[in-house]
PDB file of N, CA and C in Angstrom:
ATOM      1  N   MET A   1     -17.386  -8.307  25.274  1.00  0.00           N
ATOM      2  CA  MET A   1     -16.731  -8.625  25.170  1.00  0.00           C
ATOM      3  C   MET A   1     -17.435  -8.904  23.237  1.00  0.00           C
ATOM      4  N   PHE A   2     -18.312 -10.050  24.077  1.00  0.00           N
ATOM      5  CA  PHE A   2     -19.621 -10.406  22.352  1.00  0.00           C
ATOM      6  C   PHE A   2     -19.792  -9.551  21.737  1.00  0.00           C
ATOM      7  N   ASP A   3     -20.227  -8.263  22.171  1.00  0.00           N
ATOM      8  CA  ASP A   3     -20.367  -6.994  21.363  1.00  0.00           C
ATOM      9  C   ASP A   3     -18.980  -6.930  20.442  1.00  0.00           C
ATOM     10  N   LYS A   4     -18.185  -6.937  20.531  1.00  0.00           N
ATOM     11  CA  LYS A   4     -16.607  -6.391  19.615  1.00  0.00           C
ATOM     12  C   LYS A   4     -16.330  -7.555  18.901  1.00  0.00           C
ATOM     13  N   MET A   5     -17.114  -8.604  19.330  1.00  0.00           N
ATOM     14  CA  MET A   5     -16.616  -9.912  18.361  1.00  0.00           C
ATOM     15  C   MET A   5     -18.242  -9.817  17.383  1.00  0.00           C
ATOM     16  N   LYS A   6     -18.878  -9.915  17.566  1.00  0.00           N
ATOM     17  CA  LYS A   6     -20.224  -9.375  16.789  1.00  0.00           C
ATOM     18  C   LYS A   6     -19.945  -8.217  15.978  1.00  0.00           C
ATOM     19  N   ASN A   7     -19.156  -7.476  16.018  1.00  0.00           N
ATOM     20  CA  ASN A   7     -18.776  -6.456  15.311  1.00  0.00           C
ATOM     21  C   ASN A   7     -17.512  -6.097  14.341  1.00  0.00           C
ATOM     22  N   MET A   8     -16.997  -7.341  15.092  1.00  0.00           N
ATOM     23  CA  MET A   8     -15.963  -7.450  13.828  1.00  0.00           C
ATOM     24  C   MET A   8     -16.780  -8.846  12.930  1.00  0.00           C
ATOM     25  N   ALA A   9     -17.119 -10.056  13.200  1.00  0.00           N
ATOM     26  CA  ALA A   9     -17.707 -10.533  12.408  1.00  0.00           C
ATOM     27  C   ALA A   9     -18.730 -10.063  11.469  1.00  0.00           C
ATOM     28  N   ASN A  10     -19.471  -8.982  11.696  1.00  0.00           N
ATOM     29  CA  ASN A  10     -20.022  -8.115  10.479  1.00  0.00           C
ATOM     30  C   ASN A  10     -19.305  -6.824  10.564  1.00  0.00           C
ATOM     31  N   GLN A  11     -18.298  -6.930  10.256  1.00  0.00           N
ATOM     32  CA  GLN A  11     -17.494  -6.055   9.252  1.00  0.00           C
ATOM     33  C   GLN A  11     -16.593  -7.027   8.288  1.00  0.00           C
ATOM     34  N   PHE A  12     -16.505  -8.059   8.660  1.00  0.00           N
ATOM     35  CA  PHE A  12     -15.173  -9.648   7.635  1.00  0.00           C
ATOM     36  C   PHE A  12     -16.724  -9.695   6.727  1.00  0.00           C
ATOM     37  N   GLN A  13     -17.831  -9.605   6.762  1.00  0.00           N
ATOM     38  CA  GLN A  13     -18.918  -9.778   6.098  1.00  0.00           C
ATOM     39  C   GLN A  13     -19.065  -8.717   5.541  1.00  0.00           C
ATOM     40  N   LEU A  14     -19.560  -7.458   5.786  1.00  0.00           N
ATOM     41  CA  LEU A  14     -19.552  -5.856   4.768  1.00  0.00           C
ATOM     42  C   LEU A  14     -17.964  -6.144   4.065  1.00  0.00           C
ATOM     43  N   PHE A  15     -17.229  -6.865   4.095  1.00  0.00           N
ATOM     44  CA  PHE A  15     -16.174  -6.436   3.533  1.00  0.00           C
ATOM     45  C   PHE A  15     -15.801  -7.594   2.759  1.00  0.00           C
ATOM     46  N   GLN A  16     -16.439  -9.123   2.629  1.00  0.00           N
ATOM     47  CA  GLN A  16     -16.927  -9.751   1.982  1.00  0.00           C
ATOM     48  C   GLN A  16     -17.495  -9.567   0.640  1.00  0.00           C
ATOM     49  N   GLU A  17     -19.053  -9.075   1.129  1.00  0.00           N
ATOM     50  CA  GLU A  17     -20.013  -8.542   0.554  1.00  0.00           C
ATOM     51  C   GLU A  17     -19.150  -7.639  -0.327  1.00  0.00           C
ATOM     52  N   LEU A  18     -18.259  -6.517  -0.100  1.00  0.00           N
ATOM     53  CA  LEU A  18     -17.366  -5.324  -0.820  1.00  0.00           C
ATOM     54  C   LEU A  18     -16.935  -6.213  -2.125  1.00  0.00           C
ATOM     55  N   MET A  19     -15.689  -7.351  -1.691  1.00  0.00           N
ATOM     56  CA  MET A  19     -15.187  -7.698  -2.663  1.00  0.00           C
ATOM     57  C   MET A  19     -15.579  -8.494  -3.418  1.00  0.00           C
ATOM     58  N   LYS A  20     -17.181  -8.494  -3.371  1.00  0.00           N
ATOM     59  CA  LYS A  20     -17.686  -9.099  -4.490  1.00  0.00           C
ATOM     60  C   LYS A  20     -17.937  -8.761  -5.831  1.00  0.00           C
ATOM     61  N   ASP A  21     -17.272  -6.953  -5.537  1.00  0.00           N
ATOM     62  CA  ASP A  21     -18.063  -5.422  -6.511  1.00  0.00           C
ATOM     63  C   ASP A  21     -16.652  -6.114  -6.913  1.00  0.00           C
ATOM     64  N   ASP A  22     -17.009  -5.313  -8.594  1.00  0.00           N
ATOM     65  CA  ASP A  22     -15.755  -5.612  -9.459  1.00  0.00           C
ATOM     66  C   ASP A  22     -15.142  -4.087  -9.168  1.00  0.00           C
ATOM     67  N   ASN A  23     -16.230  -3.193  -8.973  1.00  0.00           N
ATOM     68  CA  ASN A  23     -15.894  -1.274  -9.028  1.00  0.00           C
ATOM     69  C   ASN A  23     -15.106  -0.945  -7.614  1.00  0.00           C
ATOM     70  N   PHE A  24     -15.376  -1.533  -6.837  1.00  0.00           N
ATOM     71  CA  PHE A  24     -14.832  -2.209  -5.281  1.00  0.00           C
ATOM     72  C   PHE A  24     -13.442  -2.398  -5.286  1.00  0.00           C
ATOM     73  N   LYS A  25     -13.665  -3.112  -5.801  1.00  0.00           N
ATOM     74  CA  LYS A  25     -12.306  -4.562  -5.808  1.00  0.00           C
ATOM     75  C   LYS A  25     -11.389  -3.199  -6.696  1.00  0.00           C
ATOM     76  N   ALA A  26     -12.160  -2.136  -8.086  1.00  0.00           N
ATOM     77  CA  ALA A  26     -10.576  -1.491  -8.728  1.00  0.00           C
ATOM     78  C   ALA A  26     -10.574  -0.759  -8.153  1.00  0.00           C
ATOM     79  N   PHE A  27     -11.309   0.255  -7.282  1.00  0.00           N
ATOM     80  CA  PHE A  27     -11.054   1.113  -6.552  1.00  0.00           C
ATOM     81  C   PHE A  27      -9.979   1.017  -5.661  1.00  0.00           C
ATOM     82  N   VAL A  28     -10.554  -0.579  -4.233  1.00  0.00           N
ATOM     83  CA  VAL A  28      -9.128   0.375  -3.170  1.00  0.00           C
ATOM     84  C   VAL A  28      -7.840  -0.915  -3.618  1.00  0.00           C
ATOM     85  N   SER A  29      -7.956  -1.207  -5.212  1.00  0.00           N
ATOM     86  CA  SER A  29      -6.895  -1.639  -5.740  1.00  0.00           C
ATOM     87  C   SER A  29      -5.786  -0.696  -6.686  1.00  0.00           C
ATOM     88  N   HIS A  30      -5.944   0.325  -6.691  1.00  0.00           N
ATOM     89  CA  HIS A  30      -5.347   1.612  -6.438  1.00  0.00           C
ATOM     90  C   HIS A  30      -4.499   2.303  -5.741  1.00  0.00           C
ATOM     91  N   PRO A  31      -3.452   2.067  -6.492  1.00  0.00           N
ATOM     92  CA  PRO A  31      -1.975   2.603  -5.633  1.00  0.00           C
ATOM     93  C   PRO A  31      -2.261   3.531  -4.636  1.00  0.00           C
ATOM     94  N   LYS A  32      -2.827   4.407  -5.443  1.00  0.00           N
ATOM     95  CA  LYS A  32      -2.949   6.405  -4.728  1.00  0.00           C
ATOM     96  C   LYS A  32      -4.097   5.555  -3.631  1.00  0.00           C
ATOM     97  N   VAL A  33      -4.782   5.036  -3.738  1.00  0.00           N
ATOM     98  CA  VAL A  33      -6.304   4.953  -2.663  1.00  0.00           C
ATOM     99  C   VAL A  33      -5.225   3.582  -2.039  1.00  0.00           C
ATOM    100  N   ARG A  34      -4.696   3.259  -2.202  1.00  0.00           N
ATOM    101  CA  ARG A  34      -4.098   1.652  -1.145  1.00  0.00           C
ATOM    102  C   ARG A  34      -2.976   2.841  -0.379  1.00  0.00           C
ATOM    103  N   GLY A  35      -2.088   3.590  -0.781  1.00  0.00           N
ATOM    104  CA  GLY A  35      -1.610   4.395   0.077  1.00  0.00           C
ATOM    105  C   GLY A  35      -2.169   5.336   1.126  1.00  0.00           C
ATOM    106  N   VAL A  36      -3.226   5.815   0.692  1.00  0.00           N
ATOM    107  CA  VAL A  36      -4.233   6.550   2.077  1.00  0.00           C
ATOM    108  C   VAL A  36      -4.958   5.384   2.807  1.00  0.00           C
ATOM    109  N   PHE A  37      -5.433   4.194   2.060  1.00  0.00           N
ATOM    110  CA  PHE A  37      -5.452   3.432   3.794  1.00  0.00           C
ATOM    111  C   PHE A  37      -4.186   2.689   4.634  1.00  0.00           C
ATOM    112  N   MET A  38      -3.284   2.686   3.780  1.00  0.00           N
ATOM    113  CA  MET A  38      -2.509   2.006   4.688  1.00  0.00           C
ATOM    114  C   MET A  38      -1.712   2.877   6.093  1.00  0.00           C
ATOM    115  N   GLU A  39      -2.308   4.530   6.050  1.00  0.00           N
ATOM    116  CA  GLU A  39      -1.599   5.826   6.457  1.00  0.00           C
ATOM    117  C   GLU A  39      -2.721   4.689   8.374  1.00  0.00           C
ATOM    118  N   PRO A  40      -1.834   4.593   9.080  1.00  0.00           N
ATOM    119  CA  PRO A  40      -2.562   4.477  10.348  1.00  0.00           C
ATOM    120  C   PRO A  40      -4.096   5.325  10.726  1.00  0.00           C
ATOM    121  N   GLU A  41      -3.257   6.779  10.560  1.00  0.00           N
ATOM    122  CA  GLU A  41      -4.107   7.665  11.394  1.00  0.00           C
ATOM    123  C   GLU A  41      -6.006   7.817  10.456  1.00  0.00           C
ATOM    124  N   PHE A  42      -5.556   7.514   9.220  1.00  0.00           N
ATOM    125  CA  PHE A  42      -6.285   7.005   8.376  1.00  0.00           C
ATOM    126  C   PHE A  42      -7.348   6.125   8.785  1.00  0.00           C
ATOM    127  N   GLN A  43      -7.139   4.515   8.669  1.00  0.00           N
ATOM    128  CA  GLN A  43      -7.097   3.560   9.627  1.00  0.00           C
ATOM    129  C   GLN A  43      -7.891   3.733  10.544  1.00  0.00           C
ATOM    130  N   GLN A  44      -7.643   4.967  11.290  1.00  0.00           N
ATOM    131  CA  GLN A  44      -8.447   4.603  12.523  1.00  0.00           C
ATOM    132  C   GLN A  44      -9.777   5.706  12.446  1.00  0.00           C
ATOM    133  N   ILE A  45      -9.572   6.551  11.728  1.00  0.00           N
ATOM    134  CA  ILE A  45     -10.577   6.835  11.366  1.00  0.00           C
ATOM    135  C   ILE A  45     -12.213   6.173  10.287  1.00  0.00           C
ATOM    136  N   VAL A  46     -11.144   5.272   9.120  1.00  0.00           N
ATOM    137  CA  VAL A  46     -12.645   3.864   8.457  1.00  0.00           C
ATOM    138  C   VAL A  46     -12.808   3.439  10.539  1.00  0.00           C
ATOM    139  N   ARG A  47     -12.074   3.108  11.053  1.00  0.00           N
ATOM    140  CA  ARG A  47     -12.600   2.227  12.188  1.00  0.00           C
ATOM    141  C   ARG A  47     -13.189   2.825  12.491  1.00  0.00           C
ATOM    142  N   GLU A  48     -13.648   4.343  12.867  1.00  0.00           N
ATOM    143  CA  GLU A  48     -14.680   4.669  13.394  1.00  0.00           C
ATOM    144  C   GLU A  48     -15.954   5.101  12.480  1.00  0.00           C
ATOM    145  N   ARG A  49     -16.188   5.154  11.143  1.00  0.00           N
ATOM    146  CA  ARG A  49     -17.039   4.796  10.117  1.00  0.00           C
ATOM    147  C   ARG A  49     -17.277   6.174  10.845  1.00  0.00           C
ATOM    148  N   ASN A  50     -16.599   7.330  10.400  1.00  0.00           N
ATOM    149  CA  ASN A  50     -16.560   8.725  10.872  1.00  0.00           C
ATOM    150  C   ASN A  50     -16.882   9.693   9.318  1.00  0.00           C
ATOM    151  N   MET A  51     -17.468   9.556   8.340  1.00  0.00           N
ATOM    152  CA  MET A  51     -17.753   9.849   7.323  1.00  0.00           C
ATOM    153  C   MET A  51     -16.881  11.334   7.210  1.00  0.00           C
ATOM    154  N   SER A  52     -17.917  11.932   8.005  1.00  0.00           N
ATOM    155  CA  SER A  52     -17.626  13.533   7.777  1.00  0.00           C
ATOM    156  C   SER A  52     -15.425  13.800   8.190  1.00  0.00           C
ATOM    157  N   LYS A  53     -15.181  12.838   8.485  1.00  0.00           N
ATOM    158  CA  LYS A  53     -13.926  13.039   9.066  1.00  0.00           C
ATOM    159  C   LYS A  53     -13.032  12.173   8.021  1.00  0.00           C
ATOM    160  N   MET A  54     -12.921  11.999   7.472  1.00  0.00           N
ATOM    161  CA  MET A  54     -12.263  10.556   6.371  1.00  0.00           C
ATOM    162  C   MET A  54     -12.204  11.898   5.085  1.00  0.00           C
ATOM    163  N   MET A  55     -13.896  12.829   4.541  1.00  0.00           N
ATOM    164  CA  MET A  55     -13.671  13.284   4.175  1.00  0.00           C
ATOM    165  C   MET A  55     -12.712  14.491   3.891  1.00  0.00           C
ATOM    166  N   ALA A  56     -12.624  15.469   4.962  1.00  0.00           N
ATOM    167  CA  ALA A  56     -12.705  16.567   5.533  1.00  0.00           C
ATOM    168  C   ALA A  56     -10.353  16.002   5.554  1.00  0.00           C
ATOM    169  N   HIS A  57     -10.497  14.854   5.403  1.00  0.00           N
ATOM    170  CA  HIS A  57      -8.781  14.081   5.278  1.00  0.00           C
ATOM    171  C   HIS A  57      -8.248  14.820   4.384  1.00  0.00           C
ATOM    172  N   PRO A  58      -7.275  15.700   4.508  1.00  0.00           N
ATOM    173  CA  PRO A  58      -6.491  16.324   3.617  1.00  0.00           C
ATOM    174  C   PRO A  58      -6.123  15.397   2.503  1.00  0.00           C
ATOM    175  N   LYS A  59      -5.581  13.558   2.588  1.00  0.00           N
ATOM    176  CA  LYS A  59      -4.835  13.216   1.940  1.00  0.00           C
ATOM    177  C   LYS A  59      -6.333  12.965   1.040  1.00  0.00           C
ATOM    178  N   PHE A  60      -7.332  12.229   1.740  1.00  0.00           N
ATOM    179  CA  PHE A  60      -8.314  11.579   0.995  1.00  0.00           C
ATOM    180  C   PHE A  60      -9.087  13.040   0.060  1.00  0.00           C
ATOM    181  N   ALA A  61      -8.647  13.869   0.923  1.00  0.00           N
ATOM    182  CA  ALA A  61      -9.729  15.115  -0.683  1.00  0.00           C
ATOM    183  C   ALA A  61      -8.487  14.936  -1.823  1.00  0.00           C
ATOM    184  N   GLU A  62      -7.780  15.403  -0.879  1.00  0.00           N
ATOM    185  CA  GLU A  62      -6.227  15.721  -2.118  1.00  0.00           C
ATOM    186  C   GLU A  62      -6.591  14.198  -3.667  1.00  0.00           C
ATOM    187  N   LEU A  63      -6.975  12.793  -2.881  1.00  0.00           N
ATOM    188  CA  LEU A  63      -7.199  11.925  -3.565  1.00  0.00           C
ATOM    189  C   LEU A  63      -8.545  11.697  -4.645  1.00  0.00           C
ATOM    190  N   MET A  64      -9.510  12.759  -4.006  1.00  0.00           N
ATOM    191  CA  MET A  64     -10.472  12.821  -4.516  1.00  0.00           C
ATOM    192  C   MET A  64     -10.441  13.364  -5.748  1.00  0.00           C
ATOM    193  N   ARG A  65      -9.258  13.811  -5.298  1.00  0.00           N
ATOM    194  CA  ARG A  65      -9.060  15.709  -6.404  1.00  0.00           C
ATOM    195  C   ARG A  65      -8.548  14.784  -8.030  1.00  0.00           C
ATOM    196  N   ASP A  66      -8.130  13.574  -7.767  1.00  0.00           N
ATOM    197  CA  ASP A  66      -7.403  13.009  -8.738  1.00  0.00           C
ATOM    198  C   ASP A  66      -8.061  12.163  -9.867  1.00  0.00           C
ATOM    199  N   PRO A  67      -8.214  13.040 -10.788  1.00  0.00           N
ATOM    200  CA  PRO A  67      -8.857  12.338 -12.117  1.00  0.00           C
ATOM    201  C   PRO A  67      -9.271  11.202 -12.332  1.00  0.00           C
ATOM    202  N   GLU A  68      -8.510   9.779 -11.732  1.00  0.00           N
ATOM    203  CA  GLU A  68      -8.634   8.171 -12.551  1.00  0.00           C
ATOM    204  C   GLU A  68      -9.309   7.923 -11.011  1.00  0.00           C
ATOM    205  N   VAL A  69      -9.491   8.332  -9.419  1.00  0.00           N
ATOM    206  CA  VAL A  69      -9.620   8.405  -8.671  1.00  0.00           C
ATOM    207  C   VAL A  69     -10.705   8.171  -8.718  1.00  0.00           C
ATOM    208  N   ALA A  70     -10.870   9.575  -9.077  1.00  0.00           N
ATOM    209  CA  ALA A  70     -12.573   9.919  -8.766  1.00  0.00           C
ATOM    210  C   ALA A  70     -13.443   9.155  -9.486  1.00  0.00           C
ATOM    211  N   GLN A  71     -13.030   8.950 -11.117  1.00  0.00           N
ATOM    212  CA  GLN A  71     -13.840   8.043 -12.066  1.00  0.00           C
ATOM    213  C   GLN A  71     -14.019   6.675 -11.463  1.00  0.00           C
ATOM    214  N   LEU A  72     -13.359   6.089 -10.514  1.00  0.00           N
ATOM    215  CA  LEU A  72     -13.766   4.754 -10.356  1.00  0.00           C
ATOM    216  C   LEU A  72     -14.531   5.164  -8.622  1.00  0.00           C
ATOM    217  N   MET A  73     -14.336   6.098  -8.072  1.00  0.00           N
ATOM    218  CA  MET A  73     -15.300   6.507  -7.063  1.00  0.00           C
ATOM    219  C   MET A  73     -16.788   6.392  -7.580  1.00  0.00           C
ATOM    220  N   MET A  74     -16.981   7.112  -8.781  1.00  0.00           N
ATOM    221  CA  MET A  74     -18.142   7.575  -9.563  1.00  0.00           C
ATOM    222  C   MET A  74     -18.630   5.772 -10.262  1.00  0.00           C
ATOM    223  N   LYS A  75     -17.826   5.584 -10.157  1.00  0.00           N
ATOM    224  CA  LYS A  75     -18.249   3.640 -10.824  1.00  0.00           C
ATOM    225  C   LYS A  75     -18.936   3.025  -9.698  1.00  0.00           C
ATOM    226  N   LEU A  76     -18.426   3.593  -8.365  1.00  0.00           N
ATOM    227  CA  LEU A  76     -18.994   3.349  -7.360  1.00  0.00           C
ATOM    228  C   LEU A  76     -20.095   3.632  -6.527  1.00  0.00           C
ATOM    229  N   LYS A  77     -20.189   5.111  -6.449  1.00  0.00           N
ATOM    230  CA  LYS A  77     -21.035   5.327  -6.990  1.00  0.00           C
ATOM    231  C   LYS A  77     -22.734   4.461  -7.210  1.00  0.00           C
ATOM    232  N   GLY A  78     -22.087   4.485  -8.659  1.00  0.00           N
ATOM    233  CA  GLY A  78     -23.632   3.693  -9.274  1.00  0.00           C
ATOM    234  C   GLY A  78     -23.781   1.872  -9.459  1.00  0.00           C
ATOM    235  N   SER A  79     -22.844   2.123  -8.561  1.00  0.00           N
ATOM    236  CA  SER A  79     -22.782   0.215  -8.145  1.00  0.00           C
ATOM    237  C   SER A  79     -23.906  -0.067  -7.634  1.00  0.00           C
ATOM    238  N   HIS A  80     -24.313  -1.579  -7.494  1.00  0.00           N
ATOM    239  CA  HIS A  80     -25.341  -1.739  -6.624  1.00  0.00           C
ATOM    240  C   HIS A  80     -25.826  -1.950  -4.819  1.00  0.00           C
ATOM    241  N   LEU A  81     -24.027  -2.045  -4.905  1.00  0.00           N
ATOM    242  CA  LEU A  81     -23.217  -1.804  -3.364  1.00  0.00           C
ATOM    243  C   LEU A  81     -24.084  -0.381  -2.747  1.00  0.00           C
ATOM    244  N   PHE A  82     -24.734   0.401  -3.469  1.00  0.00           N
ATOM    245  CA  PHE A  82     -24.606   1.942  -3.089  1.00  0.00           C
ATOM    246  C   PHE A  82     -26.873   2.477  -3.516  1.00  0.00           C
ATOM    247  N   LYS A  83     -27.340   1.837  -3.809  1.00  0.00           N
ATOM    248  CA  LYS A  83     -28.476   1.335  -4.324  1.00  0.00           C
ATOM    249  C   LYS A  83     -29.393   1.265  -3.570  1.00  0.00           C
ATOM    250  N   GLY A  84     -29.721  -0.061  -3.997  1.00  0.00           N
ATOM    251  CA  GLY A  84     -30.402  -1.399  -2.549  1.00  0.00           C
ATOM    252  C   GLY A  84     -29.384  -1.690  -1.393  1.00  0.00           C
ATOM    253  N   GLY A  85     -28.384  -1.612  -1.161  1.00  0.00           N
ATOM    254  CA  GLY A  85     -27.466  -1.972   0.426  1.00  0.00           C
ATOM    255  C   GLY A  85     -27.041  -3.388  -0.043  1.00  0.00           C
ATOM    256  N   PHE A  86     -26.478  -4.095   0.223  1.00  0.00           N
ATOM    257  CA  PHE A  86     -25.489  -5.252   0.297  1.00  0.00           C
ATOM    258  C   PHE A  86     -26.582  -6.623  -0.068  1.00  0.00           C
ATOM    259  N   GLY A  87     -26.050  -7.262  -0.956  1.00  0.00           N
ATOM    260  CA  GLY A  87     -26.608  -8.553  -1.528  1.00  0.00           C
ATOM    261  C   GLY A  87     -27.733  -8.501  -2.513  1.00  0.00           C
ATOM    262  N   SER A  88     -28.893  -6.976  -3.042  1.00  0.00           N
ATOM    263  CA  SER A  88     -29.636  -7.081  -3.925  1.00  0.00           C
ATOM    264  C   SER A  88     -29.285  -7.086  -4.907  1.00  0.00           C
TER     265      SER A  88
END
């Protein structure tokens, strides 16, 4: 039980850190991204933290082919979140 609570607290802390990043906020605010992330099947994949399943998901793959979304993703990859870790 405590492991589950600790995991939830860690996820909340991670989300708070991500929401400080303007590039992440722009990415998750995009209507097409929100549409995919609102699907129950995709939410389960995110909860599992299964990146290979996420990248292989047809709707996510389609999303990444969208030029507007791809540009937002490139900004995310250049973010401090992916360079030195969180809070660096």
